[in-house]
PDB file of N, CA and C in Angstrom:
ATOM      1  N   MET A   1       0.862  -1.172   0.000  1.00  0.00           N
ATOM      2  CA  MET A   1       0.000   0.000   0.000  1.00  0.00           C
ATOM      3  C   MET A   1       0.904   1.230   0.000  1.00  0.00           C
ATOM      4  N   ASN A   2       1.287   1.638  -1.168  1.00  0.00           N
ATOM      5  CA  ASN A   2       2.179   2.788  -1.316  1.00  0.00           C
ATOM      6  C   ASN A   2       1.417   4.088  -1.126  1.00  0.00           C
ATOM      7  N   GLY A   3       2.135   5.087  -0.658  1.00  0.00           N
ATOM      8  CA  GLY A   3       1.565   6.419  -0.604  1.00  0.00           C
ATOM      9  C   GLY A   3       0.869   6.809   0.680  1.00  0.00           C
ATOM     10  N   VAL A   4       0.785   5.943   1.674  1.00  0.00           N
ATOM     11  CA  VAL A   4       0.099   6.319   2.910  1.00  0.00           C
ATOM     12  C   VAL A   4       1.073   6.654   4.040  1.00  0.00           C
ATOM     13  N   LYS A   5       2.336   6.345   3.851  1.00  0.00           N
ATOM     14  CA  LYS A   5       3.318   6.567   4.910  1.00  0.00           C
ATOM     15  C   LYS A   5       3.330   8.034   5.321  1.00  0.00           C
ATOM     16  N   ASN A   6       3.242   8.243   6.628  1.00  0.00           N
ATOM     17  CA  ASN A   6       3.245   9.569   7.256  1.00  0.00           C
ATOM     18  C   ASN A   6       2.004  10.402   6.956  1.00  0.00           C
ATOM     19  N   HIS A   7       1.014   9.838   6.319  1.00  0.00           N
ATOM     20  CA  HIS A   7      -0.253  10.546   6.108  1.00  0.00           C
ATOM     21  C   HIS A   7      -1.206  10.195   7.248  1.00  0.00           C
ATOM     22  N   VAL A   8      -2.118  11.103   7.534  1.00  0.00           N
ATOM     23  CA  VAL A   8      -3.103  10.872   8.594  1.00  0.00           C
ATOM     24  C   VAL A   8      -4.332  10.214   7.979  1.00  0.00           C
ATOM     25  N   ALA A   9      -4.669   9.039   8.517  1.00  0.00           N
ATOM     26  CA  ALA A   9      -5.852   8.299   8.073  1.00  0.00           C
ATOM     27  C   ALA A   9      -6.864   8.271   9.206  1.00  0.00           C
ATOM     28  N   LEU A  10      -8.072   8.708   8.914  1.00  0.00           N
ATOM     29  CA  LEU A  10      -9.163   8.681   9.885  1.00  0.00           C
ATOM     30  C   LEU A  10     -10.089   7.536   9.489  1.00  0.00           C
ATOM     31  N   VAL A  11     -10.295   6.617  10.428  1.00  0.00           N
ATOM     32  CA  VAL A  11     -11.158   5.461  10.178  1.00  0.00           C
ATOM     33  C   VAL A  11     -12.323   5.509  11.156  1.00  0.00           C
ATOM     34  N   THR A  12     -13.537   5.616  10.622  1.00  0.00           N
ATOM     35  CA  THR A  12     -14.730   5.604  11.463  1.00  0.00           C
ATOM     36  C   THR A  12     -15.224   4.165  11.606  1.00  0.00           C
ATOM     37  N   GLY A  13     -16.026   3.927  12.626  1.00  0.00           N
ATOM     38  CA  GLY A  13     -16.578   2.589  12.828  1.00  0.00           C
ATOM     39  C   GLY A  13     -15.510   1.561  13.139  1.00  0.00           C
ATOM     40  N   ALA A  14     -14.545   1.935  13.986  1.00  0.00           N
ATOM     41  CA  ALA A  14     -13.406   1.059  14.263  1.00  0.00           C
ATOM     42  C   ALA A  14     -13.449   0.463  15.668  1.00  0.00           C
ATOM     43  N   GLY A  15     -14.626   0.334  16.248  1.00  0.00           N
ATOM     44  CA  GLY A  15     -14.724  -0.158  17.618  1.00  0.00           C
ATOM     45  C   GLY A  15     -14.702  -1.662  17.772  1.00  0.00           C
ATOM     46  N   SER A  16     -15.180  -2.378  16.784  1.00  0.00           N
ATOM     47  CA  SER A  16     -15.256  -3.835  16.886  1.00  0.00           C
ATOM     48  C   SER A  16     -13.890  -4.468  16.617  1.00  0.00           C
ATOM     49  N   PRO A  17     -13.469  -5.390  17.463  1.00  0.00           N
ATOM     50  CA  PRO A  17     -12.163  -6.027  17.239  1.00  0.00           C
ATOM     51  C   PRO A  17     -12.118  -6.885  15.978  1.00  0.00           C
ATOM     52  N   SER A  18     -13.272  -7.284  15.469  1.00  0.00           N
ATOM     53  CA  SER A  18     -13.298  -8.141  14.287  1.00  0.00           C
ATOM     54  C   SER A  18     -13.962  -7.462  13.091  1.00  0.00           C
ATOM     55  N   GLY A  19     -14.083  -6.136  13.150  1.00  0.00           N
ATOM     56  CA  GLY A  19     -14.783  -5.419  12.093  1.00  0.00           C
ATOM     57  C   GLY A  19     -13.869  -4.893  10.998  1.00  0.00           C
ATOM     58  N   ILE A  20     -14.499  -4.442   9.924  1.00  0.00           N
ATOM     59  CA  ILE A  20     -13.786  -3.903   8.768  1.00  0.00           C
ATOM     60  C   ILE A  20     -13.010  -2.636   9.135  1.00  0.00           C
ATOM     61  N   GLY A  21     -13.598  -1.773   9.954  1.00  0.00           N
ATOM     62  CA  GLY A  21     -12.932  -0.528  10.316  1.00  0.00           C
ATOM     63  C   GLY A  21     -11.614  -0.766  11.026  1.00  0.00           C
ATOM     64  N   PHE A  22     -11.617  -1.627  12.030  1.00  0.00           N
ATOM     65  CA  PHE A  22     -10.385  -1.898  12.766  1.00  0.00           C
ATOM     66  C   PHE A  22      -9.368  -2.618  11.890  1.00  0.00           C
ATOM     67  N   ALA A  23      -9.827  -3.540  11.066  1.00  0.00           N
ATOM     68  CA  ALA A  23      -8.910  -4.240  10.153  1.00  0.00           C
ATOM     69  C   ALA A  23      -8.252  -3.243   9.196  1.00  0.00           C
ATOM     70  N   THR A  24      -9.020  -2.298   8.700  1.00  0.00           N
ATOM     71  CA  THR A  24      -8.476  -1.278   7.809  1.00  0.00           C
ATOM     72  C   THR A  24      -7.458  -0.412   8.538  1.00  0.00           C
ATOM     73  N   ALA A  25      -7.772  -0.023   9.774  1.00  0.00           N
ATOM     74  CA  ALA A  25      -6.837   0.778  10.565  1.00  0.00           C
ATOM     75  C   ALA A  25      -5.523   0.030  10.780  1.00  0.00           C
ATOM     76  N   GLN A  26      -5.600  -1.267  11.033  1.00  0.00           N
ATOM     77  CA  GLN A  26      -4.390  -2.067  11.234  1.00  0.00           C
ATOM     78  C   GLN A  26      -3.530  -2.082   9.959  1.00  0.00           C
ATOM     79  N   ILE A  27      -4.163  -2.266   8.821  1.00  0.00           N
ATOM     80  CA  ILE A  27      -3.433  -2.302   7.543  1.00  0.00           C
ATOM     81  C   ILE A  27      -2.767  -0.953   7.279  1.00  0.00           C
ATOM     82  N   LEU A  28      -3.508   0.124   7.484  1.00  0.00           N
ATOM     83  CA  LEU A  28      -2.954   1.450   7.257  1.00  0.00           C
ATOM     84  C   LEU A  28      -1.800   1.751   8.213  1.00  0.00           C
ATOM     85  N   LYS A  29      -1.933   1.324   9.457  1.00  0.00           N
ATOM     86  CA  LYS A  29      -0.859   1.544  10.443  1.00  0.00           C
ATOM     87  C   LYS A  29       0.390   0.777  10.036  1.00  0.00           C
ATOM     88  N   ARG A  30       0.231  -0.475   9.631  1.00  0.00           N
ATOM     89  CA  ARG A  30       1.392  -1.264   9.189  1.00  0.00           C
ATOM     90  C   ARG A  30       2.060  -0.635   7.974  1.00  0.00           C
ATOM     91  N   ALA A  31       1.286   0.072   7.157  1.00  0.00           N
ATOM     92  CA  ALA A  31       1.827   0.715   5.959  1.00  0.00           C
ATOM     93  C   ALA A  31       2.469   2.072   6.282  1.00  0.00           C
ATOM     94  N   GLY A  32       2.410   2.487   7.546  1.00  0.00           N
ATOM     95  CA  GLY A  32       3.096   3.700   7.952  1.00  0.00           C
ATOM     96  C   GLY A  32       2.248   4.937   8.139  1.00  0.00           C
ATOM     97  N   ALA A  33       0.936   4.803   8.045  1.00  0.00           N
ATOM     98  CA  ALA A  33       0.052   5.953   8.246  1.00  0.00           C
ATOM     99  C   ALA A  33      -0.096   6.255   9.737  1.00  0.00           C
ATOM    100  N   ARG A  34      -0.378   7.502  10.032  1.00  0.00           N
ATOM    101  CA  ARG A  34      -0.785   7.897  11.378  1.00  0.00           C
ATOM    102  C   ARG A  34      -2.289   7.685  11.426  1.00  0.00           C
ATOM    103  N   ILE A  35      -2.777   7.040  12.486  1.00  0.00           N
ATOM    104  CA  ILE A  35      -4.157   6.544  12.506  1.00  0.00           C
ATOM    105  C   ILE A  35      -5.003   7.220  13.573  1.00  0.00           C
ATOM    106  N   ALA A  36      -6.158   7.725  13.147  1.00  0.00           N
ATOM    107  CA  ALA A  36      -7.190   8.202  14.061  1.00  0.00           C
ATOM    108  C   ALA A  36      -8.404   7.300  13.876  1.00  0.00           C
ATOM    109  N   ILE A  37      -8.918   6.783  14.991  1.00  0.00           N
ATOM    110  CA  ILE A  37     -10.091   5.910  14.917  1.00  0.00           C
ATOM    111  C   ILE A  37     -11.183   6.440  15.827  1.00  0.00           C
ATOM    112  N   THR A  38     -12.407   6.107  15.456  1.00  0.00           N
ATOM    113  CA  THR A  38     -13.542   6.503  16.272  1.00  0.00           C
ATOM    114  C   THR A  38     -14.626   5.435  16.194  1.00  0.00           C
ATOM    115  N   SER A  39     -15.448   5.418  17.229  1.00  0.00           N
ATOM    116  CA  SER A  39     -16.669   4.621  17.254  1.00  0.00           C
ATOM    117  C   SER A  39     -17.592   5.271  18.277  1.00  0.00           C
ATOM    118  N   THR A  40     -18.760   4.724  18.431  1.00  0.00           N
ATOM    119  CA  THR A  40     -19.723   5.305  19.371  1.00  0.00           C
ATOM    120  C   THR A  40     -19.560   4.762  20.786  1.00  0.00           C
ATOM    121  N   THR A  41     -18.604   3.854  20.986  1.00  0.00           N
ATOM    122  CA  THR A  41     -18.417   3.253  22.308  1.00  0.00           C
ATOM    123  C   THR A  41     -16.966   3.375  22.773  1.00  0.00           C
ATOM    124  N   ASP A  42     -16.770   3.235  24.071  1.00  0.00           N
ATOM    125  CA  ASP A  42     -15.442   3.314  24.677  1.00  0.00           C
ATOM    126  C   ASP A  42     -14.495   2.220  24.205  1.00  0.00           C
ATOM    127  N   ARG A  43     -15.018   1.181  23.589  1.00  0.00           N
ATOM    128  CA  ARG A  43     -14.127   0.104  23.164  1.00  0.00           C
ATOM    129  C   ARG A  43     -13.135   0.562  22.099  1.00  0.00           C
ATOM    130  N   VAL A  44     -13.355   1.738  21.518  1.00  0.00           N
ATOM    131  CA  VAL A  44     -12.398   2.280  20.550  1.00  0.00           C
ATOM    132  C   VAL A  44     -11.031   2.503  21.217  1.00  0.00           C
ATOM    133  N   HIS A  45     -11.024   2.745  22.518  1.00  0.00           N
ATOM    134  CA  HIS A  45      -9.756   2.929  23.239  1.00  0.00           C
ATOM    135  C   HIS A  45      -8.992   1.609  23.340  1.00  0.00           C
ATOM    136  N   GLN A  46      -9.709   0.500  23.461  1.00  0.00           N
ATOM    137  CA  GLN A  46      -9.062  -0.823  23.428  1.00  0.00           C
ATOM    138  C   GLN A  46      -8.433  -1.067  22.057  1.00  0.00           C
ATOM    139  N   ARG A  47      -9.128  -0.660  20.995  1.00  0.00           N
ATOM    140  CA  ARG A  47      -8.576  -0.836  19.643  1.00  0.00           C
ATOM    141  C   ARG A  47      -7.299  -0.016  19.475  1.00  0.00           C
ATOM    142  N   ARG A  48      -7.272   1.185  20.069  1.00  0.00           N
ATOM    143  CA  ARG A  48      -6.050   1.997  19.985  1.00  0.00           C
ATOM    144  C   ARG A  48      -4.896   1.291  20.683  1.00  0.00           C
ATOM    145  N   GLN A  49      -5.162   0.705  21.835  1.00  0.00           N
ATOM    146  CA  GLN A  49      -4.102  -0.032  22.531  1.00  0.00           C
ATOM    147  C   GLN A  49      -3.577  -1.164  21.649  1.00  0.00           C
ATOM    148  N   GLU A  50      -4.473  -1.837  20.956  1.00  0.00           N
ATOM    149  CA  GLU A  50      -4.072  -2.944  20.083  1.00  0.00           C
ATOM    150  C   GLU A  50      -3.276  -2.451  18.876  1.00  0.00           C
ATOM    151  N   LEU A  51      -3.548  -1.224  18.430  1.00  0.00           N
ATOM    152  CA  LEU A  51      -2.785  -0.645  17.321  1.00  0.00           C
ATOM    153  C   LEU A  51      -1.380  -0.241  17.753  1.00  0.00           C
ATOM    154  N   GLY A  52      -1.190  -0.060  19.043  1.00  0.00           N
ATOM    155  CA  GLY A  52       0.071   0.435  19.568  1.00  0.00           C
ATOM    156  C   GLY A  52      -0.133   1.868  20.006  1.00  0.00           C
ATOM    157  N   GLU A  53      -0.492   2.005  21.238  1.00  0.00           N
ATOM    158  CA  GLU A  53      -0.846   3.322  21.778  1.00  0.00           C
ATOM    159  C   GLU A  53       0.409   4.197  21.810  1.00  0.00           C
ATOM    160  N   ASP A  54       0.605   4.966  20.753  1.00  0.00           N
ATOM    161  CA  ASP A  54       1.784   5.818  20.638  1.00  0.00           C
ATOM    162  C   ASP A  54       1.397   7.143  20.006  1.00  0.00           C
ATOM    163  N   GLU A  55       2.389   7.958  19.678  1.00  0.00           N
ATOM    164  CA  GLU A  55       2.111   9.281  19.105  1.00  0.00           C
ATOM    165  C   GLU A  55       1.599   9.204  17.678  1.00  0.00           C
ATOM    166  N   LEU A  56       1.564   8.006  17.104  1.00  0.00           N
ATOM    167  CA  LEU A  56       1.071   7.819  15.736  1.00  0.00           C
ATOM    168  C   LEU A  56      -0.378   7.367  15.688  1.00  0.00           C
ATOM    169  N   THR A  57      -1.008   7.235  16.855  1.00  0.00           N
ATOM    170  CA  THR A  57      -2.409   6.806  16.897  1.00  0.00           C
ATOM    171  C   THR A  57      -3.217   7.742  17.790  1.00  0.00           C
ATOM    172  N   PHE A  58      -4.500   7.835  17.476  1.00  0.00           N
ATOM    173  CA  PHE A  58      -5.427   8.636  18.263  1.00  0.00           C
ATOM    174  C   PHE A  58      -6.783   7.964  18.212  1.00  0.00           C
ATOM    175  N   ALA A  59      -7.504   7.977  19.316  1.00  0.00           N
ATOM    176  CA  ALA A  59      -8.848   7.400  19.361  1.00  0.00           C
ATOM    177  C   ALA A  59      -9.749   8.276  20.224  1.00  0.00           C
ATOM    178  N   ALA A  60     -11.002   8.372  19.824  1.00  0.00           N
ATOM    179  CA  ALA A  60     -11.995   9.087  20.614  1.00  0.00           C
ATOM    180  C   ALA A  60     -13.377   8.558  20.270  1.00  0.00           C
ATOM    181  N   VAL A  61     -14.249   8.622  21.251  1.00  0.00           N
ATOM    182  CA  VAL A  61     -15.649   8.261  21.054  1.00  0.00           C
ATOM    183  C   VAL A  61     -16.341   9.451  20.408  1.00  0.00           C
ATOM    184  N   ALA A  62     -17.120   9.197  19.357  1.00  0.00           N
ATOM    185  CA  ALA A  62     -17.876  10.257  18.704  1.00  0.00           C
ATOM    186  C   ALA A  62     -19.122   9.671  18.058  1.00  0.00           C
ATOM    187  N   ASP A  63     -20.208  10.408  18.175  1.00  0.00           N
ATOM    188  CA  ASP A  63     -21.449  10.062  17.483  1.00  0.00           C
ATOM    189  C   ASP A  63     -21.481  10.891  16.208  1.00  0.00           C
ATOM    190  N   LEU A  64     -21.197  10.264  15.090  1.00  0.00           N
ATOM    191  CA  LEU A  64     -21.052  10.993  13.836  1.00  0.00           C
ATOM    192  C   LEU A  64     -22.371  11.478  13.250  1.00  0.00           C
ATOM    193  N   THR A  65     -23.474  11.207  13.940  1.00  0.00           N
ATOM    194  CA  THR A  65     -24.752  11.795  13.531  1.00  0.00           C
ATOM    195  C   THR A  65     -24.939  13.166  14.173  1.00  0.00           C
ATOM    196  N   GLN A  66     -24.004  13.547  15.043  1.00  0.00           N
ATOM    197  CA  GLN A  66     -24.072  14.823  15.754  1.00  0.00           C
ATOM    198  C   GLN A  66     -22.977  15.756  15.243  1.00  0.00           C
ATOM    199  N   THR A  67     -23.358  16.875  14.676  1.00  0.00           N
ATOM    200  CA  THR A  67     -22.403  17.810  14.081  1.00  0.00           C
ATOM    201  C   THR A  67     -21.321  18.222  15.069  1.00  0.00           C
ATOM    202  N   LYS A  68     -21.697  18.510  16.303  1.00  0.00           N
ATOM    203  CA  LYS A  68     -20.713  18.933  17.307  1.00  0.00           C
ATOM    204  C   LYS A  68     -19.687  17.838  17.562  1.00  0.00           C
ATOM    205  N   ASP A  69     -20.108  16.592  17.653  1.00  0.00           N
ATOM    206  CA  ASP A  69     -19.169  15.487  17.849  1.00  0.00           C
ATOM    207  C   ASP A  69     -18.180  15.393  16.684  1.00  0.00           C
ATOM    208  N   VAL A  70     -18.682  15.552  15.471  1.00  0.00           N
ATOM    209  CA  VAL A  70     -17.816  15.481  14.290  1.00  0.00           C
ATOM    210  C   VAL A  70     -16.787  16.602  14.333  1.00  0.00           C
ATOM    211  N   THR A  71     -17.246  17.815  14.573  1.00  0.00           N
ATOM    212  CA  THR A  71     -16.352  18.971  14.620  1.00  0.00           C
ATOM    213  C   THR A  71     -15.307  18.817  15.718  1.00  0.00           C
ATOM    214  N   ASP A  72     -15.751  18.445  16.906  1.00  0.00           N
ATOM    215  CA  ASP A  72     -14.826  18.259  18.032  1.00  0.00           C
ATOM    216  C   ASP A  72     -13.805  17.165  17.722  1.00  0.00           C
ATOM    217  N   PHE A  73     -14.269  16.053  17.166  1.00  0.00           N
ATOM    218  CA  PHE A  73     -13.378  14.945  16.846  1.00  0.00           C
ATOM    219  C   PHE A  73     -12.325  15.373  15.823  1.00  0.00           C
ATOM    220  N   LEU A  74     -12.741  16.056  14.767  1.00  0.00           N
ATOM    221  CA  LEU A  74     -11.785  16.502  13.749  1.00  0.00           C
ATOM    222  C   LEU A  74     -10.731  17.431  14.330  1.00  0.00           C
ATOM    223  N   HIS A  75     -11.144  18.346  15.209  1.00  0.00           N
ATOM    224  CA  HIS A  75     -10.176  19.245  15.855  1.00  0.00           C
ATOM    225  C   HIS A  75      -9.195  18.444  16.714  1.00  0.00           C
ATOM    226  N   GLN A  76      -9.705  17.445  17.423  1.00  0.00           N
ATOM    227  CA  GLN A  76      -8.831  16.618  18.267  1.00  0.00           C
ATOM    228  C   GLN A  76      -7.827  15.840  17.418  1.00  0.00           C
ATOM    229  N   VAL A  77      -8.288  15.290  16.301  1.00  0.00           N
ATOM    230  CA  VAL A  77      -7.398  14.544  15.397  1.00  0.00           C
ATOM    231  C   VAL A  77      -6.316  15.466  14.867  1.00  0.00           C
ATOM    232  N   GLU A  78      -6.702  16.641  14.398  1.00  0.00           N
ATOM    233  CA  GLU A  78      -5.728  17.580  13.850  1.00  0.00           C
ATOM    234  C   GLU A  78      -4.722  18.018  14.898  1.00  0.00           C
ATOM    235  N   ASP A  79      -5.173  18.233  16.129  1.00  0.00           N
ATOM    236  CA  ASP A  79      -4.252  18.601  17.208  1.00  0.00           C
ATOM    237  C   ASP A  79      -3.271  17.468  17.517  1.00  0.00           C
ATOM    238  N   ALA A  80      -3.752  16.231  17.464  1.00  0.00           N
ATOM    239  CA  ALA A  80      -2.918  15.078  17.826  1.00  0.00           C
ATOM    240  C   ALA A  80      -2.012  14.609  16.693  1.00  0.00           C
ATOM    241  N   LEU A  81      -2.540  14.602  15.462  1.00  0.00           N
ATOM    242  CA  LEU A  81      -1.819  13.967  14.356  1.00  0.00           C
ATOM    243  C   LEU A  81      -1.562  14.872  13.157  1.00  0.00           C
ATOM    244  N   GLY A  82      -2.331  15.942  13.024  1.00  0.00           N
ATOM    245  CA  GLY A  82      -2.242  16.801  11.849  1.00  0.00           C
ATOM    246  C   GLY A  82      -3.492  16.669  11.002  1.00  0.00           C
ATOM    247  N   PRO A  83      -3.517  17.385   9.876  1.00  0.00           N
ATOM    248  CA  PRO A  83      -4.699  17.358   9.005  1.00  0.00           C
ATOM    249  C   PRO A  83      -4.957  15.961   8.425  1.00  0.00           C
ATOM    250  N   VAL A  84      -6.217  15.638   8.262  1.00  0.00           N
ATOM    251  CA  VAL A  84      -6.614  14.327   7.734  1.00  0.00           C
ATOM    252  C   VAL A  84      -6.373  14.294   6.223  1.00  0.00           C
ATOM    253  N   ASP A  85      -5.645  13.253   5.791  1.00  0.00           N
ATOM    254  CA  ASP A  85      -5.370  13.038   4.372  1.00  0.00           C
ATOM    255  C   ASP A  85      -6.251  11.948   3.771  1.00  0.00           C
ATOM    256  N   ILE A  86      -6.609  10.966   4.607  1.00  0.00           N
ATOM    257  CA  ILE A  86      -7.328   9.777   4.147  1.00  0.00           C
ATOM    258  C   ILE A  86      -8.532   9.577   5.055  1.00  0.00           C
ATOM    259  N   LEU A  87      -9.692   9.345   4.459  1.00  0.00           N
ATOM    260  CA  LEU A  87     -10.900   9.046   5.230  1.00  0.00           C
ATOM    261  C   LEU A  87     -11.431   7.688   4.813  1.00  0.00           C
ATOM    262  N   VAL A  88     -11.597   6.809   5.803  1.00  0.00           N
ATOM    263  CA  VAL A  88     -12.282   5.537   5.585  1.00  0.00           C
ATOM    264  C   VAL A  88     -13.580   5.652   6.386  1.00  0.00           C
ATOM    265  N   ASN A  89     -14.660   5.958   5.692  1.00  0.00           N
ATOM    266  CA  ASN A  89     -15.944   6.203   6.337  1.00  0.00           C
ATOM    267  C   ASN A  89     -16.697   4.880   6.466  1.00  0.00           C
ATOM    268  N   ASN A  90     -16.402   4.186   7.541  1.00  0.00           N
ATOM    269  CA  ASN A  90     -16.939   2.855   7.766  1.00  0.00           C
ATOM    270  C   ASN A  90     -18.042   2.843   8.823  1.00  0.00           C
ATOM    271  N   ALA A  91     -18.414   4.004   9.337  1.00  0.00           N
ATOM    272  CA  ALA A  91     -19.444   4.053  10.376  1.00  0.00           C
ATOM    273  C   ALA A  91     -20.747   3.508   9.827  1.00  0.00           C
ATOM    274  N   GLY A  92     -21.409   2.721  10.633  1.00  0.00           N
ATOM    275  CA  GLY A  92     -22.672   2.138  10.209  1.00  0.00           C
ATOM    276  C   GLY A  92     -23.623   2.048  11.376  1.00  0.00           C
ATOM    277  N   MET A  93     -24.808   1.591  11.089  1.00  0.00           N
ATOM    278  CA  MET A  93     -25.818   1.479  12.126  1.00  0.00           C
ATOM    279  C   MET A  93     -26.519   0.149  11.967  1.00  0.00           C
ATOM    280  N   VAL A  94     -26.578  -0.562  13.048  1.00  0.00           N
ATOM    281  CA  VAL A  94     -27.310  -1.820  13.052  1.00  0.00           C
ATOM    282  C   VAL A  94     -28.575  -1.603  13.860  1.00  0.00           C
ATOM    283  N   GLN A  95     -29.679  -1.966  13.267  1.00  0.00           N
ATOM    284  CA  GLN A  95     -30.946  -1.796  13.955  1.00  0.00           C
ATOM    285  C   GLN A  95     -31.604  -3.155  14.059  1.00  0.00           C
ATOM    286  N   ILE A  96     -31.960  -3.534  15.269  1.00  0.00           N
ATOM    287  CA  ILE A  96     -32.541  -4.850  15.506  1.00  0.00           C
ATOM    288  C   ILE A  96     -33.935  -4.682  16.101  1.00  0.00           C
ATOM    289  N   GLY A  97     -34.863  -5.494  15.639  1.00  0.00           N
ATOM    290  CA  GLY A  97     -36.180  -5.539  16.248  1.00  0.00           C
ATOM    291  C   GLY A  97     -37.133  -4.445  15.811  1.00  0.00           C
ATOM    292  N   ARG A  98     -36.879  -3.839  14.685  1.00  0.00           N
ATOM    293  CA  ARG A  98     -37.777  -2.786  14.211  1.00  0.00           C
ATOM    294  C   ARG A  98     -38.983  -3.414  13.537  1.00  0.00           C
ATOM    295  N   ASP A  99     -40.157  -2.980  13.948  1.00  0.00           N
ATOM    296  CA  ASP A  99     -41.377  -3.439  13.293  1.00  0.00           C
ATOM    297  C   ASP A  99     -41.520  -2.717  11.967  1.00  0.00           C
ATOM    298  N   GLU A 100     -41.684  -3.473  10.915  1.00  0.00           N
ATOM    299  CA  GLU A 100     -41.887  -2.892   9.589  1.00  0.00           C
ATOM    300  C   GLU A 100     -43.379  -2.648   9.385  1.00  0.00           C
ATOM    301  N   PRO A 101     -43.720  -1.496   8.835  1.00  0.00           N
ATOM    302  CA  PRO A 101     -45.138  -1.256   8.540  1.00  0.00           C
ATOM    303  C   PRO A 101     -45.593  -2.221   7.448  1.00  0.00           C
ATOM    304  N   SER A 102     -46.817  -2.620   7.538  1.00  0.00           N
ATOM    305  CA  SER A 102     -47.315  -3.535   6.511  1.00  0.00           C
ATOM    306  C   SER A 102     -47.549  -2.761   5.221  1.00  0.00           C
ATOM    307  N   SER A 103     -47.324  -3.442   4.123  1.00  0.00           N
ATOM    308  CA  SER A 103     -47.536  -2.811   2.822  1.00  0.00           C
ATOM    309  C   SER A 103     -48.717  -3.498   2.147  1.00  0.00           C
ATOM    310  N   PRO A 104     -49.321  -2.844   1.169  1.00  0.00           N
ATOM    311  CA  PRO A 104     -50.426  -3.472   0.447  1.00  0.00           C
ATOM    312  C   PRO A 104     -50.020  -4.795  -0.187  1.00  0.00           C
ATOM    313  N   LEU A 105     -48.785  -4.914  -0.645  1.00  0.00           N
ATOM    314  CA  LEU A 105     -48.336  -6.160  -1.269  1.00  0.00           C
ATOM    315  C   LEU A 105     -48.278  -7.306  -0.265  1.00  0.00           C
ATOM    316  N   SER A 106     -47.798  -7.026   0.944  1.00  0.00           N
ATOM    317  CA  SER A 106     -47.718  -8.094   1.939  1.00  0.00           C
ATOM    318  C   SER A 106     -49.111  -8.514   2.385  1.00  0.00           C
ATOM    319  N   GLU A 107     -50.032  -7.540   2.440  1.00  0.00           N
ATOM    320  CA  GLU A 107     -51.405  -7.880   2.820  1.00  0.00           C
ATOM    321  C   GLU A 107     -52.061  -8.746   1.758  1.00  0.00           C
ATOM    322  N   MET A 108     -51.749  -8.479   0.478  1.00  0.00           N
ATOM    323  CA  MET A 108     -52.309  -9.284  -0.611  1.00  0.00           C
ATOM    324  C   MET A 108     -51.803 -10.727  -0.540  1.00  0.00           C
ATOM    325  N   SER A 109     -50.531 -10.893  -0.217  1.00  0.00           N
ATOM    326  CA  SER A 109     -49.977 -12.239  -0.161  1.00  0.00           C
ATOM    327  C   SER A 109     -50.510 -13.004   1.045  1.00  0.00           C
ATOM    328  N   ASP A 110     -50.892 -12.280   2.117  1.00  0.00           N
ATOM    329  CA  ASP A 110     -51.461 -12.929   3.300  1.00  0.00           C
ATOM    330  C   ASP A 110     -52.869 -13.458   3.032  1.00  0.00           C
ATOM    331  N   GLU A 111     -53.561 -12.865   2.058  1.00  0.00           N
ATOM    332  CA  GLU A 111     -54.942 -13.253   1.778  1.00  0.00           C
ATOM    333  C   GLU A 111     -54.999 -14.558   1.009  1.00  0.00           C
ATOM    334  N   LYS A 112     -53.929 -14.966   0.351  1.00  0.00           N
ATOM    335  CA  LYS A 112     -53.947 -16.175  -0.478  1.00  0.00           C
ATOM    336  C   LYS A 112     -53.879 -17.418   0.328  1.00  0.00           C
TER     337      LYS A 112
END
């Protein structure tokens, strides 16, 4: 992965130890990038420790649906590592147990 050495890479959605975000952060770090990671939970700090908690890594909890969190996080990253050169926007949302409204098509199939 040429071209990332000494560049700042921000990876969102990097809280899960087995997720795409953390795996991407690990690859970028091995390639020499300075890494900033975020997730909506404190476990992002554990991921930073696993990356090698040093001056080349930064982690913070942020809710990226909130403008203030995004702004604050970006300022913190820039203060810690410098301007962001690479963005891996991996933040996602899992929703479980949502009742879906019935549609006319589903009602038609129920009548048969």
